[in-house]
Amino acid sequence: MLEGVAAADWPRIRQVVVETHSDELRHRVRRLLGTHFATVGDVTDDALEACGLERAVVFAREPLIASG
């Protein structure tokens, strides 16, 4: 997962989009991305949520440390 991204590589990443399949993972991804990006959010799939599935897309943009 994203924990495998080297510290030296984060400044080169401009934006991230990740599909998650549980609330726990969605929150973990948001916390991690929040340490590297100014804008972090998520969008849940309401149709799947109504069926008891927890699918969401987490996104991040505006790196806190811009690439050089």
N, C-alpha and C. Protein backbone atom coordinates (compact mmCIF):
# COMPACT_ATOMS: atom_id res chain seq x y z
N MET A 1 0.82 -1.18 0.00
CA MET A 1 0.00 0.00 0.00
C MET A 1 0.87 1.25 0.00
N LEU A 2 0.33 2.36 0.33
CA LEU A 2 1.04 3.64 0.28
C LEU A 2 2.16 3.74 1.31
N GLU A 3 2.15 2.91 2.36
CA GLU A 3 3.24 2.95 3.33
C GLU A 3 4.57 2.60 2.68
N GLY A 4 4.56 1.97 1.52
CA GLY A 4 5.78 1.59 0.83
C GLY A 4 6.42 2.71 0.02
N VAL A 5 5.78 3.87 -0.06
CA VAL A 5 6.35 5.00 -0.79
C VAL A 5 7.48 5.58 0.05
N ALA A 6 8.67 5.69 -0.54
CA ALA A 6 9.84 6.23 0.16
C ALA A 6 9.64 7.71 0.45
N ALA A 7 10.17 8.15 1.58
CA ALA A 7 10.05 9.56 1.98
C ALA A 7 10.57 10.49 0.89
N ALA A 8 11.62 10.10 0.21
CA ALA A 8 12.20 10.94 -0.84
C ALA A 8 11.30 11.04 -2.07
N ASP A 9 10.36 10.11 -2.23
CA ASP A 9 9.49 10.11 -3.40
C ASP A 9 8.22 10.94 -3.22
N TRP A 10 7.76 11.14 -1.98
CA TRP A 10 6.52 11.89 -1.78
C TRP A 10 6.52 13.27 -2.43
N PRO A 11 7.60 14.04 -2.38
CA PRO A 11 7.56 15.37 -3.02
C PRO A 11 7.36 15.32 -4.53
N ARG A 12 7.61 14.18 -5.16
CA ARG A 12 7.46 14.07 -6.61
C ARG A 12 6.04 13.69 -7.02
N ILE A 13 5.20 13.31 -6.06
CA ILE A 13 3.83 12.88 -6.35
C ILE A 13 2.91 14.08 -6.29
N ARG A 14 2.21 14.36 -7.37
CA ARG A 14 1.35 15.55 -7.48
C ARG A 14 -0.08 15.30 -7.00
N GLN A 15 -0.58 14.09 -7.22
CA GLN A 15 -1.94 13.75 -6.79
C GLN A 15 -2.08 12.25 -6.67
N VAL A 16 -3.07 11.82 -5.87
CA VAL A 16 -3.29 10.40 -5.62
C VAL A 16 -4.79 10.14 -5.62
N VAL A 17 -5.19 9.00 -6.19
CA VAL A 17 -6.57 8.52 -6.11
C VAL A 17 -6.49 7.04 -5.74
N VAL A 18 -7.19 6.66 -4.66
CA VAL A 18 -7.14 5.29 -4.16
C VAL A 18 -8.55 4.79 -3.90
N GLU A 19 -8.88 3.62 -4.39
CA GLU A 19 -10.16 2.99 -4.06
C GLU A 19 -9.97 2.15 -2.81
N THR A 20 -10.86 2.32 -1.83
CA THR A 20 -10.79 1.55 -0.60
C THR A 20 -12.06 0.72 -0.45
N HIS A 21 -11.96 -0.32 0.38
CA HIS A 21 -13.09 -1.24 0.54
C HIS A 21 -13.51 -1.44 1.99
N SER A 22 -13.08 -0.53 2.86
CA SER A 22 -13.54 -0.57 4.25
C SER A 22 -13.38 0.84 4.84
N ASP A 23 -14.18 1.13 5.83
CA ASP A 23 -14.06 2.42 6.50
C ASP A 23 -12.70 2.55 7.18
N GLU A 24 -12.21 1.47 7.77
CA GLU A 24 -10.91 1.51 8.44
C GLU A 24 -9.81 1.89 7.45
N LEU A 25 -9.79 1.24 6.29
CA LEU A 25 -8.77 1.54 5.29
C LEU A 25 -8.94 2.96 4.76
N ARG A 26 -10.17 3.39 4.54
CA ARG A 26 -10.41 4.76 4.06
C ARG A 26 -9.81 5.77 5.04
N HIS A 27 -10.03 5.57 6.33
CA HIS A 27 -9.49 6.49 7.33
C HIS A 27 -7.96 6.43 7.41
N ARG A 28 -7.40 5.22 7.28
CA ARG A 28 -5.93 5.09 7.28
C ARG A 28 -5.31 5.83 6.10
N VAL A 29 -5.91 5.66 4.92
CA VAL A 29 -5.38 6.31 3.71
C VAL A 29 -5.51 7.83 3.86
N ARG A 30 -6.64 8.31 4.36
CA ARG A 30 -6.81 9.76 4.55
C ARG A 30 -5.77 10.32 5.50
N ARG A 31 -5.52 9.62 6.61
CA ARG A 31 -4.52 10.10 7.58
C ARG A 31 -3.14 10.17 6.95
N LEU A 32 -2.76 9.11 6.24
CA LEU A 32 -1.44 9.09 5.60
C LEU A 32 -1.31 10.20 4.57
N LEU A 33 -2.30 10.33 3.69
CA LEU A 33 -2.23 11.35 2.66
C LEU A 33 -2.26 12.76 3.26
N GLY A 34 -2.94 12.91 4.39
CA GLY A 34 -3.01 14.21 5.05
C GLY A 34 -1.66 14.71 5.54
N THR A 35 -0.70 13.82 5.69
CA THR A 35 0.65 14.25 6.10
C THR A 35 1.47 14.75 4.92
N HIS A 36 0.98 14.53 3.69
CA HIS A 36 1.74 14.89 2.50
C HIS A 36 1.02 15.87 1.57
N PHE A 37 -0.30 16.04 1.74
CA PHE A 37 -1.08 16.86 0.82
C PHE A 37 -1.97 17.83 1.58
N ALA A 38 -2.17 19.01 0.98
CA ALA A 38 -3.02 20.04 1.58
C ALA A 38 -4.50 19.70 1.42
N THR A 39 -4.86 19.08 0.32
CA THR A 39 -6.26 18.74 0.06
C THR A 39 -6.42 17.23 0.02
N VAL A 40 -7.23 16.70 0.94
CA VAL A 40 -7.52 15.27 0.99
C VAL A 40 -9.02 15.11 1.21
N GLY A 41 -9.63 14.20 0.47
CA GLY A 41 -11.06 13.97 0.64
C GLY A 41 -11.43 12.58 0.19
N ASP A 42 -12.70 12.27 0.29
CA ASP A 42 -13.17 10.97 -0.19
C ASP A 42 -14.60 11.09 -0.68
N VAL A 43 -14.96 10.17 -1.52
CA VAL A 43 -16.32 10.07 -2.07
C VAL A 43 -16.76 8.63 -1.88
N THR A 44 -17.88 8.43 -1.20
CA THR A 44 -18.38 7.08 -1.01
C THR A 44 -19.37 6.72 -2.11
N ASP A 45 -19.50 5.46 -2.33
CA ASP A 45 -20.44 4.95 -3.33
C ASP A 45 -21.75 4.66 -2.60
N ASP A 46 -22.69 5.58 -2.67
CA ASP A 46 -23.95 5.46 -1.93
C ASP A 46 -24.74 4.21 -2.31
N ALA A 47 -24.70 3.84 -3.58
CA ALA A 47 -25.46 2.67 -4.02
C ALA A 47 -24.92 1.40 -3.37
N LEU A 48 -23.60 1.28 -3.31
CA LEU A 48 -23.01 0.11 -2.67
C LEU A 48 -23.18 0.17 -1.16
N GLU A 49 -23.09 1.35 -0.59
CA GLU A 49 -23.27 1.50 0.85
C GLU A 49 -24.66 1.02 1.28
N ALA A 50 -25.66 1.27 0.45
CA ALA A 50 -27.03 0.83 0.75
C ALA A 50 -27.11 -0.70 0.80
N CYS A 51 -26.19 -1.37 0.11
CA CYS A 51 -26.15 -2.83 0.12
C CYS A 51 -25.23 -3.38 1.21
N GLY A 52 -24.65 -2.50 2.01
CA GLY A 52 -23.77 -2.94 3.09
C GLY A 52 -22.30 -3.02 2.72
N LEU A 53 -21.92 -2.55 1.54
CA LEU A 53 -20.52 -2.55 1.12
C LEU A 53 -19.92 -1.17 1.40
N GLU A 54 -18.65 -1.15 1.77
CA GLU A 54 -18.00 0.10 2.16
C GLU A 54 -16.96 0.53 1.13
N ARG A 55 -17.37 0.86 -0.06
CA ARG A 55 -16.40 1.27 -1.08
C ARG A 55 -16.35 2.78 -1.15
N ALA A 56 -15.13 3.31 -1.20
CA ALA A 56 -14.95 4.76 -1.32
C ALA A 56 -13.71 5.03 -2.16
N VAL A 57 -13.65 6.22 -2.72
CA VAL A 57 -12.47 6.69 -3.43
C VAL A 57 -11.89 7.83 -2.60
N VAL A 58 -10.62 7.70 -2.24
CA VAL A 58 -9.91 8.73 -1.49
C VAL A 58 -9.01 9.46 -2.48
N PHE A 59 -8.99 10.78 -2.39
CA PHE A 59 -8.16 11.55 -3.31
C PHE A 59 -7.34 12.57 -2.53
N ALA A 60 -6.20 12.95 -3.12
CA ALA A 60 -5.35 13.98 -2.52
C ALA A 60 -4.67 14.76 -3.64
N ARG A 61 -4.50 16.06 -3.38
CA ARG A 61 -3.79 16.93 -4.33
C ARG A 61 -3.19 18.10 -3.56
N GLU A 62 -2.43 18.90 -4.22
CA GLU A 62 -1.72 20.04 -3.64
C GLU A 62 -0.69 19.56 -2.61
N PRO A 63 0.41 18.99 -3.10
CA PRO A 63 1.45 18.50 -2.19
C PRO A 63 1.92 19.58 -1.23
N LEU A 64 2.20 19.20 0.00
CA LEU A 64 2.71 20.15 0.99
C LEU A 64 4.13 20.57 0.67
N ILE A 65 4.89 19.65 0.06
CA ILE A 65 6.26 19.95 -0.38
C ILE A 65 6.30 19.74 -1.88
N ALA A 66 6.39 20.83 -2.63
CA ALA A 66 6.36 20.74 -4.09
C ALA A 66 7.65 20.15 -4.64
N SER A 67 7.53 19.48 -5.78
CA SER A 67 8.71 18.93 -6.43
C SER A 67 9.57 20.05 -6.96
N GLY A 68 10.86 19.81 -7.01
CA GLY A 68 11.81 20.83 -7.44
C GLY A 68 12.11 20.69 -8.83
